[in-house]
Amino acid sequence: MRDALVAHARQSILRGSKSFAAASHLFDPATRERVWLLYAWCRRCDDIADAQDHGGTLGTQGTPGDGAERFATIRTLTARAFAGEATGDPAFDALGVVARETGLTPAMAEDVIAGFALDAADWHPRSEADLMRYCWHVAGAVGVMMAVVMGVAPDDEDTLDRACDLGLAFQLANIARDLAEDDAAARCYLPAEWLAEHDVPPGEQMKPPYRATMARLAARLCERAQAHRCSARIGAARLAPRQRWAILAAAGIYGEIAVEVARRGAKAWDSRTVVGKGRKIAWIGKAGAQALLPVPRSCHASAETRRFTRLDLIAMTRPR
């Protein structure tokens, strides 16, 4: 059964994230399989929440029902997976397997699930803090789970913070890239305060008169992503060699998405920004060299410019 779940998870990552799939092959075999298993659960939850199939147009496929019903499905199947029960869904069964093998906890999964609850409630961020809280749930908390899968101790708080930063960097890049796709689904993850600052009317942000403004705001997202990506590189230096290589490759590939969105400016949403196969291979090679070198001072300096840390984001969601 495990072999079948791994095969399903491999197909899921190949369909859902070609960038992460490419980087995942750099892990040692055991870690690679566990990363795939966890990815399959994350991808399936996202698809159920958005009624889609491995990304694509929102609201066109997946589990029927309104947002609250789909969210309830995610929570119920996740609980059954942690209880060791068969769920009838290979992605949730995959979570059960990787949780038993690595010590992932229901609380870690709940941090991720809370992000799907925000989408189910048709939530929109008012402030940058709101945006980062969302990014924590849907990506930073995933980074924490991935770190545990890679063998990081659950009490190694600083390394988990850095793993969270990589997830935040990925999500900020995704938001910048997908502004038009999200707008088509009546979603906007840019803070309302940012839009008001530039006199952009709600719901009109992707119309032609505001494209130049959107380019500036997307560049702001990409700048934020860079700071978190540099922080993640500091944490990656503590991983085993092959894991460090894989993480640096993923960071480089996603980092190029952010760089390209910023470079394309107002044309960034005329077509989807992607990193071609040749550039992915180049980043895999570059990451191999980076894995052998100390983290540059410039990266340490950039990491210090982060406006929010994992502890800040946890405090927002779980007040003491």
C-alpha atoms as a PDB file:
ATOM      1  CA  MET A   1       0.000   0.000   0.000  1.00  0.00           C
ATOM      2  CA  ARG A   2       2.810   2.422   0.797  1.00  0.00           C
ATOM      3  CA  ASP A   3       4.363   1.888  -2.639  1.00  0.00           C
ATOM      4  CA  ALA A   4       1.042   2.717  -4.277  1.00  0.00           C
ATOM      5  CA  LEU A   5       0.688   5.870  -2.172  1.00  0.00           C
ATOM      6  CA  VAL A   6       4.221   6.958  -3.090  1.00  0.00           C
ATOM      7  CA  ALA A   7       3.456   6.404  -6.775  1.00  0.00           C
ATOM      8  CA  HIS A   8       0.278   8.467  -6.465  1.00  0.00           C
ATOM      9  CA  ALA A   9       2.161  11.209  -4.599  1.00  0.00           C
ATOM     10  CA  ARG A  10       4.855  11.288  -7.268  1.00  0.00           C
ATOM     11  CA  GLN A  11       2.251  11.824  -9.967  1.00  0.00           C
ATOM     12  CA  SER A  12       0.660  14.541  -7.851  1.00  0.00           C
ATOM     13  CA  ILE A  13       3.858  16.564  -7.518  1.00  0.00           C
ATOM     14  CA  LEU A  14       4.682  16.112 -11.209  1.00  0.00           C
ATOM     15  CA  ARG A  15       1.282  17.553 -12.115  1.00  0.00           C
ATOM     16  CA  GLY A  16       1.020  20.171  -9.398  1.00  0.00           C
ATOM     17  CA  SER A  17       4.515  21.664  -9.134  1.00  0.00           C
ATOM     18  CA  LYS A  18       7.101  20.961 -11.795  1.00  0.00           C
ATOM     19  CA  SER A  19       9.534  23.270 -10.001  1.00  0.00           C
ATOM     20  CA  PHE A  20       9.350  21.454  -6.677  1.00  0.00           C
ATOM     21  CA  ALA A  21       9.244  18.082  -8.443  1.00  0.00           C
ATOM     22  CA  ALA A  22      12.565  18.863 -10.132  1.00  0.00           C
ATOM     23  CA  ALA A  23      14.188  19.895  -6.851  1.00  0.00           C
ATOM     24  CA  SER A  24      12.745  16.910  -4.947  1.00  0.00           C
ATOM     25  CA  HIS A  25      14.824  14.442  -6.973  1.00  0.00           C
ATOM     26  CA  LEU A  26      17.915  15.789  -5.215  1.00  0.00           C
ATOM     27  CA  PHE A  27      16.798  14.369  -1.851  1.00  0.00           C
ATOM     28  CA  ASP A  28      17.946  10.970  -0.662  1.00  0.00           C
ATOM     29  CA  PRO A  29      15.361   8.303  -1.605  1.00  0.00           C
ATOM     30  CA  ALA A  30      13.695   8.041   1.825  1.00  0.00           C
ATOM     31  CA  THR A  31      13.334  11.802   2.243  1.00  0.00           C
ATOM     32  CA  ARG A  32      12.178  12.188  -1.349  1.00  0.00           C
ATOM     33  CA  GLU A  33       9.306   9.769  -0.861  1.00  0.00           C
ATOM     34  CA  ARG A  34       8.229  11.422   2.375  1.00  0.00           C
ATOM     35  CA  VAL A  35       8.331  14.874   0.772  1.00  0.00           C
ATOM     36  CA  TRP A  36       6.124  13.555  -2.032  1.00  0.00           C
ATOM     37  CA  LEU A  37       3.680  12.035   0.448  1.00  0.00           C
ATOM     38  CA  LEU A  38       3.350  15.298   2.360  1.00  0.00           C
ATOM     39  CA  TYR A  39       3.078  17.303  -0.855  1.00  0.00           C
ATOM     40  CA  ALA A  40       0.197  15.087  -2.029  1.00  0.00           C
ATOM     41  CA  TRP A  41      -1.803  15.967   1.090  1.00  0.00           C
ATOM     42  CA  CYS A  42      -1.072  19.695   0.732  1.00  0.00           C
ATOM     43  CA  ARG A  43      -2.027  19.652  -2.942  1.00  0.00           C
ATOM     44  CA  ARG A  44      -5.223  17.709  -2.317  1.00  0.00           C
ATOM     45  CA  CYS A  45      -6.309  20.051   0.478  1.00  0.00           C
ATOM     46  CA  ASP A  46      -5.705  23.034  -1.768  1.00  0.00           C
ATOM     47  CA  ASP A  47      -7.695  21.442  -4.583  1.00  0.00           C
ATOM     48  CA  ILE A  48     -10.620  20.592  -2.317  1.00  0.00           C
ATOM     49  CA  ALA A  49     -10.640  24.106  -0.871  1.00  0.00           C
ATOM     50  CA  ASP A  50     -10.591  25.699  -4.336  1.00  0.00           C
ATOM     51  CA  ALA A  51     -12.690  23.077  -6.161  1.00  0.00           C
ATOM     52  CA  GLN A  52      -9.927  22.473  -8.678  1.00  0.00           C
ATOM     53  CA  ASP A  53      -7.656  19.659  -9.823  1.00  0.00           C
ATOM     54  CA  HIS A  54      -3.913  20.180  -9.316  1.00  0.00           C
ATOM     55  CA  GLY A  55      -4.294  23.884  -9.756  1.00  0.00           C
ATOM     56  CA  GLY A  56      -5.908  25.369 -12.813  1.00  0.00           C
ATOM     57  CA  THR A  57      -9.124  27.341 -12.910  1.00  0.00           C
ATOM     58  CA  LEU A  58     -10.643  27.859  -9.487  1.00  0.00           C
ATOM     59  CA  GLY A  59     -14.085  26.462  -8.766  1.00  0.00           C
ATOM     60  CA  THR A  60     -14.349  24.126 -11.749  1.00  0.00           C
ATOM     61  CA  GLN A  61     -13.602  20.681 -10.304  1.00  0.00           C
ATOM     62  CA  GLY A  62     -13.003  18.796  -7.081  1.00  0.00           C
ATOM     63  CA  THR A  63     -15.249  18.182  -4.099  1.00  0.00           C
ATOM     64  CA  PRO A  64     -18.708  19.723  -4.529  1.00  0.00           C
ATOM     65  CA  GLY A  65     -20.378  21.966  -1.977  1.00  0.00           C
ATOM     66  CA  ASP A  66     -19.727  25.424  -0.663  1.00  0.00           C
ATOM     67  CA  GLY A  67     -16.493  26.560   0.941  1.00  0.00           C
ATOM     68  CA  ALA A  68     -17.531  25.574   4.462  1.00  0.00           C
ATOM     69  CA  GLU A  69     -18.475  22.059   3.351  1.00  0.00           C
ATOM     70  CA  ARG A  70     -15.198  21.584   1.505  1.00  0.00           C
ATOM     71  CA  PHE A  71     -13.263  22.840   4.518  1.00  0.00           C
ATOM     72  CA  ALA A  72     -15.122  20.378   6.766  1.00  0.00           C
ATOM     73  CA  THR A  73     -14.086  17.586   4.384  1.00  0.00           C
ATOM     74  CA  ILE A  74     -10.429  18.572   4.711  1.00  0.00           C
ATOM     75  CA  ARG A  75     -10.576  18.614   8.492  1.00  0.00           C
ATOM     76  CA  THR A  76     -12.473  15.315   8.790  1.00  0.00           C
ATOM     77  CA  LEU A  77     -10.205  13.369   6.428  1.00  0.00           C
ATOM     78  CA  THR A  78      -7.070  14.813   8.040  1.00  0.00           C
ATOM     79  CA  ALA A  79      -8.239  13.734  11.495  1.00  0.00           C
ATOM     80  CA  ARG A  80      -8.916  10.235  10.198  1.00  0.00           C
ATOM     81  CA  ALA A  81      -5.446  10.091   8.643  1.00  0.00           C
ATOM     82  CA  PHE A  82      -3.763  10.984  11.935  1.00  0.00           C
ATOM     83  CA  ALA A  83      -5.928   8.400  13.691  1.00  0.00           C
ATOM     84  CA  GLY A  84      -4.486   5.734  11.390  1.00  0.00           C
ATOM     85  CA  GLU A  85      -7.793   5.111   9.626  1.00  0.00           C
ATOM     86  CA  ALA A  86      -8.236   4.523   5.901  1.00  0.00           C
ATOM     87  CA  THR A  87      -9.764   7.654   4.397  1.00  0.00           C
ATOM     88  CA  GLY A  88     -10.711   6.515   0.911  1.00  0.00           C
ATOM     89  CA  ASP A  89      -8.504   9.289  -0.503  1.00  0.00           C
ATOM     90  CA  PRO A  90      -4.866   8.406  -1.307  1.00  0.00           C
ATOM     91  CA  ALA A  91      -3.581  11.897  -0.534  1.00  0.00           C
ATOM     92  CA  PHE A  92      -4.942  11.774   3.011  1.00  0.00           C
ATOM     93  CA  ASP A  93      -3.744   8.194   3.429  1.00  0.00           C
ATOM     94  CA  ALA A  94      -0.324   9.495   2.351  1.00  0.00           C
ATOM     95  CA  LEU A  95      -0.422  12.000   5.213  1.00  0.00           C
ATOM     96  CA  GLY A  96      -1.150   9.185   7.646  1.00  0.00           C
ATOM     97  CA  VAL A  97       1.889   7.270   6.440  1.00  0.00           C
ATOM     98  CA  VAL A  98       4.342  10.166   6.565  1.00  0.00           C
ATOM     99  CA  ALA A  99       3.015  11.313   9.943  1.00  0.00           C
ATOM    100  CA  ARG A 100       3.659   7.881  11.455  1.00  0.00           C
ATOM    101  CA  GLU A 101       7.145   7.773   9.968  1.00  0.00           C
ATOM    102  CA  THR A 102       8.303  11.261  10.947  1.00  0.00           C
ATOM    103  CA  GLY A 103       6.314  12.457  13.952  1.00  0.00           C
ATOM    104  CA  LEU A 104       4.205  15.105  12.246  1.00  0.00           C
ATOM    105  CA  THR A 105       1.423  16.162  14.599  1.00  0.00           C
ATOM    106  CA  PRO A 106      -2.224  17.154  14.174  1.00  0.00           C
ATOM    107  CA  ALA A 107      -1.328  20.617  15.514  1.00  0.00           C
ATOM    108  CA  MET A 108       1.138  21.121  12.644  1.00  0.00           C
ATOM    109  CA  ALA A 109      -1.523  20.113  10.141  1.00  0.00           C
ATOM    110  CA  GLU A 110      -4.082  22.354  11.829  1.00  0.00           C
ATOM    111  CA  ASP A 111      -1.853  25.386  11.220  1.00  0.00           C
ATOM    112  CA  VAL A 112      -2.068  24.591   7.497  1.00  0.00           C
ATOM    113  CA  ILE A 113      -5.784  23.791   7.532  1.00  0.00           C
ATOM    114  CA  ALA A 114      -6.531  27.181   9.095  1.00  0.00           C
ATOM    115  CA  GLY A 115      -5.418  28.783   5.844  1.00  0.00           C
ATOM    116  CA  PHE A 116      -8.033  26.849   3.901  1.00  0.00           C
ATOM    117  CA  ALA A 117     -10.600  28.080   6.413  1.00  0.00           C
ATOM    118  CA  LEU A 118      -9.721  31.649   5.458  1.00  0.00           C
ATOM    119  CA  ASP A 119     -10.352  30.904   1.795  1.00  0.00           C
ATOM    120  CA  ALA A 120     -13.584  29.094   2.657  1.00  0.00           C
ATOM    121  CA  ALA A 121     -14.759  32.238   4.442  1.00  0.00           C
ATOM    122  CA  ASP A 122     -14.025  34.374   1.346  1.00  0.00           C
ATOM    123  CA  TRP A 123     -11.416  36.250   3.368  1.00  0.00           C
ATOM    124  CA  HIS A 124      -9.349  39.172   2.035  1.00  0.00           C
ATOM    125  CA  PRO A 125      -6.354  40.776   3.767  1.00  0.00           C
ATOM    126  CA  ARG A 126      -6.709  44.298   5.051  1.00  0.00           C
ATOM    127  CA  SER A 127      -3.108  44.850   6.130  1.00  0.00           C
ATOM    128  CA  GLU A 128       0.314  43.423   5.344  1.00  0.00           C
ATOM    129  CA  ALA A 129       0.117  41.583   8.656  1.00  0.00           C
ATOM    130  CA  ASP A 130      -3.089  39.906   7.453  1.00  0.00           C
ATOM    131  CA  LEU A 131      -1.365  38.899   4.220  1.00  0.00           C
ATOM    132  CA  MET A 132       1.567  37.388   6.082  1.00  0.00           C
ATOM    133  CA  ARG A 133      -0.737  35.555   8.465  1.00  0.00           C
ATOM    134  CA  TYR A 134      -2.389  33.928   5.446  1.00  0.00           C
ATOM    135  CA  CYS A 135       1.014  33.063   3.953  1.00  0.00           C
ATOM    136  CA  TRP A 136       2.008  31.488   7.264  1.00  0.00           C
ATOM    137  CA  HIS A 137      -0.967  29.172   7.225  1.00  0.00           C
ATOM    138  CA  VAL A 138      -0.907  28.073   3.593  1.00  0.00           C
ATOM    139  CA  ALA A 139       2.851  27.927   3.064  1.00  0.00           C
ATOM    140  CA  GLY A 140       4.991  28.799   6.096  1.00  0.00           C
ATOM    141  CA  ALA A 141       3.380  26.067   8.188  1.00  0.00           C
ATOM    142  CA  VAL A 142       3.938  23.660   5.286  1.00  0.00           C
ATOM    143  CA  GLY A 143       7.618  24.593   5.388  1.00  0.00           C
ATOM    144  CA  VAL A 144       7.699  23.626   9.062  1.00  0.00           C
ATOM    145  CA  MET A 145       6.132  20.243   8.282  1.00  0.00           C
ATOM    146  CA  MET A 146       8.589  19.692   5.430  1.00  0.00           C
ATOM    147  CA  ALA A 147      11.499  20.466   7.758  1.00  0.00           C
ATOM    148  CA  VAL A 148      10.308  17.822  10.228  1.00  0.00           C
ATOM    149  CA  VAL A 149       9.997  15.346   7.342  1.00  0.00           C
ATOM    150  CA  MET A 150      13.635  16.141   6.513  1.00  0.00           C
ATOM    151  CA  GLY A 151      14.674  15.310  10.061  1.00  0.00           C
ATOM    152  CA  VAL A 152      14.768  18.719  11.742  1.00  0.00           C
ATOM    153  CA  ALA A 153      13.974  18.283  15.434  1.00  0.00           C
ATOM    154  CA  PRO A 154      10.560  19.695  16.451  1.00  0.00           C
ATOM    155  CA  ASP A 155      12.281  21.752  19.174  1.00  0.00           C
ATOM    156  CA  ASP A 156      14.880  23.310  16.830  1.00  0.00           C
ATOM    157  CA  GLU A 157      12.914  26.526  16.713  1.00  0.00           C
ATOM    158  CA  ASP A 158      15.342  28.648  14.734  1.00  0.00           C
ATOM    159  CA  THR A 159      15.709  26.111  11.923  1.00  0.00           C
ATOM    160  CA  LEU A 160      11.931  25.705  11.826  1.00  0.00           C
ATOM    161  CA  ASP A 161      11.679  29.505  11.589  1.00  0.00           C
ATOM    162  CA  ARG A 162      13.947  29.391   8.523  1.00  0.00           C
ATOM    163  CA  ALA A 163      11.882  26.597   6.993  1.00  0.00           C
ATOM    164  CA  CYS A 164       8.784  28.718   7.513  1.00  0.00           C
ATOM    165  CA  ASP A 165      10.552  31.572   5.720  1.00  0.00           C
ATOM    166  CA  LEU A 166      11.028  29.446   2.628  1.00  0.00           C
ATOM    167  CA  GLY A 167       7.309  28.728   2.524  1.00  0.00           C
ATOM    168  CA  LEU A 168       6.561  32.430   2.937  1.00  0.00           C
ATOM    169  CA  ALA A 169       8.923  33.266   0.077  1.00  0.00           C
ATOM    170  CA  PHE A 170       7.232  30.707  -2.174  1.00  0.00           C
ATOM    171  CA  GLN A 171       3.748  32.007  -1.382  1.00  0.00           C
ATOM    172  CA  LEU A 172       4.623  35.658  -1.900  1.00  0.00           C
ATOM    173  CA  ALA A 173       6.087  34.782  -5.304  1.00  0.00           C
ATOM    174  CA  ASN A 174       2.970  32.774  -6.159  1.00  0.00           C
ATOM    175  CA  ILE A 175       0.670  35.658  -5.195  1.00  0.00           C
ATOM    176  CA  ALA A 176       2.656  38.081  -7.358  1.00  0.00           C
ATOM    177  CA  ARG A 177       2.565  35.701 -10.315  1.00  0.00           C
ATOM    178  CA  ASP A 178      -1.128  34.801  -9.962  1.00  0.00           C
ATOM    179  CA  LEU A 179      -2.724  38.226  -9.460  1.00  0.00           C
ATOM    180  CA  ALA A 180      -4.706  37.938 -12.697  1.00  0.00           C
ATOM    181  CA  GLU A 181      -5.791  34.332 -12.089  1.00  0.00           C
ATOM    182  CA  ASP A 182      -6.938  35.174  -8.590  1.00  0.00           C
ATOM    183  CA  ASP A 183      -8.770  38.248  -9.836  1.00  0.00           C
ATOM    184  CA  ALA A 184     -10.665  36.082 -12.342  1.00  0.00           C
ATOM    185  CA  ALA A 185     -11.879  34.018  -9.378  1.00  0.00           C
ATOM    186  CA  ALA A 186     -12.874  37.157  -7.427  1.00  0.00           C
ATOM    187  CA  ARG A 187      -9.918  36.806  -5.071  1.00  0.00           C
ATOM    188  CA  CYS A 188      -7.305  39.354  -4.141  1.00  0.00           C
ATOM    189  CA  TYR A 189      -4.458  38.673  -1.724  1.00  0.00           C
ATOM    190  CA  LEU A 190      -2.979  42.153  -1.924  1.00  0.00           C
ATOM    191  CA  PRO A 191      -3.694  44.055   1.293  1.00  0.00           C
ATOM    192  CA  ALA A 192      -6.590  46.499   0.972  1.00  0.00           C
ATOM    193  CA  GLU A 193      -4.358  49.113   2.589  1.00  0.00           C
ATOM    194  CA  TRP A 194      -1.833  48.758  -0.245  1.00  0.00           C
ATOM    195  CA  LEU A 195      -4.557  49.261  -2.842  1.00  0.00           C
ATOM    196  CA  ALA A 196      -6.004  52.269  -1.001  1.00  0.00           C
ATOM    197  CA  GLU A 197      -2.527  53.764  -0.749  1.00  0.00           C
ATOM    198  CA  HIS A 198      -2.468  53.896  -4.568  1.00  0.00           C
ATOM    199  CA  ASP A 199      -6.156  54.800  -5.046  1.00  0.00           C
ATOM    200  CA  VAL A 200      -6.992  51.477  -6.684  1.00  0.00           C
ATOM    201  CA  PRO A 201     -10.742  50.766  -6.355  1.00  0.00           C
ATOM    202  CA  PRO A 202     -11.619  47.359  -4.865  1.00  0.00           C
ATOM    203  CA  GLY A 203     -12.208  44.744  -7.537  1.00  0.00           C
ATOM    204  CA  GLU A 204     -10.657  46.830 -10.326  1.00  0.00           C
ATOM    205  CA  GLN A 205      -6.999  46.172  -9.645  1.00  0.00           C
ATOM    206  CA  MET A 206      -6.322  44.192 -12.817  1.00  0.00           C
ATOM    207  CA  LYS A 207      -8.011  46.624 -15.203  1.00  0.00           C
ATOM    208  CA  PRO A 208      -5.662  48.349 -17.686  1.00  0.00           C
ATOM    209  CA  PRO A 209      -5.484  51.746 -15.922  1.00  0.00           C
ATOM    210  CA  TYR A 210      -4.015  50.088 -12.826  1.00  0.00           C
ATOM    211  CA  ARG A 211      -1.544  47.658 -14.393  1.00  0.00           C
ATOM    212  CA  ALA A 212       1.467  49.886 -13.712  1.00  0.00           C
ATOM    213  CA  THR A 213       0.416  50.190 -10.081  1.00  0.00           C
ATOM    214  CA  MET A 214      -0.012  46.431  -9.848  1.00  0.00           C
ATOM    215  CA  ALA A 215       3.504  46.011 -11.194  1.00  0.00           C
ATOM    216  CA  ARG A 216       4.847  48.174  -8.366  1.00  0.00           C
ATOM    217  CA  LEU A 217       2.875  46.239  -5.754  1.00  0.00           C
ATOM    218  CA  ALA A 218       3.986  42.909  -7.226  1.00  0.00           C
ATOM    219  CA  ALA A 219       7.579  44.138  -7.007  1.00  0.00           C
ATOM    220  CA  ARG A 220       6.944  44.887  -3.332  1.00  0.00           C
ATOM    221  CA  LEU A 221       5.775  41.297  -2.826  1.00  0.00           C
ATOM    222  CA  CYS A 222       8.874  40.014  -4.596  1.00  0.00           C
ATOM    223  CA  GLU A 223      11.105  42.185  -2.413  1.00  0.00           C
ATOM    224  CA  ARG A 224       9.482  40.697   0.680  1.00  0.00           C
ATOM    225  CA  ALA A 225       9.972  37.222  -0.783  1.00  0.00           C
ATOM    226  CA  GLN A 226      13.695  37.856  -1.253  1.00  0.00           C
ATOM    227  CA  ALA A 227      14.203  38.639   2.436  1.00  0.00           C
ATOM    228  CA  HIS A 228      12.475  35.423   3.495  1.00  0.00           C
ATOM    229  CA  ARG A 229      14.332  33.397   0.883  1.00  0.00           C
ATOM    230  CA  CYS A 230      17.661  34.636   2.256  1.00  0.00           C
ATOM    231  CA  SER A 231      16.579  33.673   5.760  1.00  0.00           C
ATOM    232  CA  ALA A 232      15.709  30.205   4.473  1.00  0.00           C
ATOM    233  CA  ARG A 233      19.167  29.857   2.971  1.00  0.00           C
ATOM    234  CA  ILE A 234      20.655  30.349   6.428  1.00  0.00           C
ATOM    235  CA  GLY A 235      18.551  27.463   7.715  1.00  0.00           C
ATOM    236  CA  ALA A 236      19.363  25.263   4.718  1.00  0.00           C
ATOM    237  CA  ALA A 237      23.037  25.388   5.668  1.00  0.00           C
ATOM    238  CA  ARG A 238      22.165  23.233   8.702  1.00  0.00           C
ATOM    239  CA  LEU A 239      20.646  20.406   6.675  1.00  0.00           C
ATOM    240  CA  ALA A 240      22.326  17.262   5.386  1.00  0.00           C
ATOM    241  CA  PRO A 241      24.157  17.842   2.069  1.00  0.00           C
ATOM    242  CA  ARG A 242      21.558  16.395  -0.302  1.00  0.00           C
ATOM    243  CA  GLN A 243      18.708  18.053   1.547  1.00  0.00           C
ATOM    244  CA  ARG A 244      20.556  21.366   1.483  1.00  0.00           C
ATOM    245  CA  TRP A 245      21.077  20.998  -2.264  1.00  0.00           C
ATOM    246  CA  ALA A 246      17.393  20.255  -2.879  1.00  0.00           C
ATOM    247  CA  ILE A 247      16.170  23.177  -0.781  1.00  0.00           C
ATOM    248  CA  LEU A 248      18.574  25.636  -2.383  1.00  0.00           C
ATOM    249  CA  ALA A 249      17.482  24.448  -5.836  1.00  0.00           C
ATOM    250  CA  ALA A 250      13.802  24.950  -4.965  1.00  0.00           C
ATOM    251  CA  ALA A 251      14.561  28.365  -3.477  1.00  0.00           C
ATOM    252  CA  GLY A 252      16.454  29.392  -6.597  1.00  0.00           C
ATOM    253  CA  ILE A 253      13.735  28.247  -8.991  1.00  0.00           C
ATOM    254  CA  TYR A 254      10.953  29.972  -7.083  1.00  0.00           C
ATOM    255  CA  GLY A 255      13.173  32.981  -6.589  1.00  0.00           C
ATOM    256  CA  GLU A 256      13.498  33.277 -10.348  1.00  0.00           C
ATOM    257  CA  ILE A 257       9.702  33.368 -10.636  1.00  0.00           C
ATOM    258  CA  ALA A 258       9.679  36.413  -8.353  1.00  0.00           C
ATOM    259  CA  VAL A 259      12.557  38.048 -10.227  1.00  0.00           C
ATOM    260  CA  GLU A 260      10.837  37.476 -13.565  1.00  0.00           C
ATOM    261  CA  VAL A 261       7.491  38.860 -12.359  1.00  0.00           C
ATOM    262  CA  ALA A 262       9.249  42.011 -11.167  1.00  0.00           C
ATOM    263  CA  ARG A 263      11.216  42.281 -14.416  1.00  0.00           C
ATOM    264  CA  ARG A 264       8.134  41.936 -16.652  1.00  0.00           C
ATOM    265  CA  GLY A 265       6.390  44.805 -14.892  1.00  0.00           C
ATOM    266  CA  ALA A 266       2.908  45.545 -16.176  1.00  0.00           C
ATOM    267  CA  LYS A 267       3.215  42.678 -18.702  1.00  0.00           C
ATOM    268  CA  ALA A 268       3.708  40.076 -15.981  1.00  0.00           C
ATOM    269  CA  TRP A 269       0.138  38.822 -16.337  1.00  0.00           C
ATOM    270  CA  ASP A 270      -0.145  38.761 -20.126  1.00  0.00           C
ATOM    271  CA  SER A 271       0.968  35.132 -19.825  1.00  0.00           C
ATOM    272  CA  ARG A 272       1.858  32.921 -16.890  1.00  0.00           C
ATOM    273  CA  THR A 273       5.401  33.410 -15.615  1.00  0.00           C
ATOM    274  CA  VAL A 274       7.258  30.100 -15.638  1.00  0.00           C
ATOM    275  CA  VAL A 275      10.824  28.886 -15.262  1.00  0.00           C
ATOM    276  CA  GLY A 276      11.790  26.765 -18.253  1.00  0.00           C
ATOM    277  CA  LYS A 277      13.435  23.353 -18.043  1.00  0.00           C
ATOM    278  CA  GLY A 278      16.820  24.748 -18.996  1.00  0.00           C
ATOM    279  CA  ARG A 279      16.729  27.329 -16.214  1.00  0.00           C
ATOM    280  CA  LYS A 280      15.638  24.697 -13.703  1.00  0.00           C
ATOM    281  CA  ILE A 281      18.626  22.553 -14.646  1.00  0.00           C
ATOM    282  CA  ALA A 282      20.872  25.594 -14.341  1.00  0.00           C
ATOM    283  CA  TRP A 283      19.502  26.307 -10.862  1.00  0.00           C
ATOM    284  CA  ILE A 284      20.090  22.709  -9.805  1.00  0.00           C
ATOM    285  CA  GLY A 285      23.732  23.111 -10.786  1.00  0.00           C
ATOM    286  CA  LYS A 286      24.035  26.509  -9.123  1.00  0.00           C
ATOM    287  CA  ALA A 287      22.426  25.190  -5.947  1.00  0.00           C
ATOM    288  CA  GLY A 288      24.987  22.399  -5.824  1.00  0.00           C
ATOM    289  CA  ALA A 289      27.738  25.004  -5.743  1.00  0.00           C
ATOM    290  CA  GLN A 290      25.879  27.122  -3.184  1.00  0.00           C
ATOM    291  CA  ALA A 291      25.532  24.087  -0.929  1.00  0.00           C
ATOM    292  CA  LEU A 292      29.308  23.897  -0.627  1.00  0.00           C
ATOM    293  CA  LEU A 293      29.828  27.564   0.226  1.00  0.00           C
ATOM    294  CA  PRO A 294      29.104  29.660   3.333  1.00  0.00           C
ATOM    295  CA  VAL A 295      25.974  31.794   3.263  1.00  0.00           C
ATOM    296  CA  PRO A 296      26.995  35.219   1.860  1.00  0.00           C
ATOM    297  CA  ARG A 297      26.962  38.215   4.175  1.00  0.00           C
ATOM    298  CA  SER A 298      24.539  39.919   1.815  1.00  0.00           C
ATOM    299  CA  CYS A 299      22.060  37.116   2.448  1.00  0.00           C
ATOM    300  CA  HIS A 300      22.351  37.570   6.203  1.00  0.00           C
ATOM    301  CA  ALA A 301      21.762  41.306   5.761  1.00  0.00           C
ATOM    302  CA  SER A 302      18.703  40.740   3.558  1.00  0.00           C
ATOM    303  CA  ALA A 303      17.264  38.238   6.032  1.00  0.00           C
ATOM    304  CA  GLU A 304      17.382  40.885   8.731  1.00  0.00           C
ATOM    305  CA  THR A 305      14.950  43.038   6.747  1.00  0.00           C
ATOM    306  CA  ARG A 306      12.060  40.586   7.255  1.00  0.00           C
ATOM    307  CA  ARG A 307       9.078  42.400   8.706  1.00  0.00           C
ATOM    308  CA  PHE A 308       7.516  39.288  10.227  1.00  0.00           C
ATOM    309  CA  THR A 309       9.028  36.192  11.772  1.00  0.00           C
ATOM    310  CA  ARG A 310       7.399  32.855  12.455  1.00  0.00           C
ATOM    311  CA  LEU A 311       6.941  33.808  16.109  1.00  0.00           C
ATOM    312  CA  ASP A 312       5.192  37.029  15.061  1.00  0.00           C
ATOM    313  CA  LEU A 313       2.820  35.080  12.842  1.00  0.00           C
ATOM    314  CA  ILE A 314       2.106  32.436  15.444  1.00  0.00           C
ATOM    315  CA  ALA A 315       1.315  35.177  17.961  1.00  0.00           C
ATOM    316  CA  MET A 316      -1.253  36.593  15.533  1.00  0.00           C
ATOM    317  CA  THR A 317      -3.060  33.275  15.242  1.00  0.00           C
ATOM    318  CA  ARG A 318      -2.545  31.757  18.662  1.00  0.00           C
ATOM    319  CA  PRO A 319      -2.465  34.648  21.159  1.00  0.00           C
ATOM    320  CA  ARG A 320      -0.835  33.795  24.440  1.00  0.00           C
END
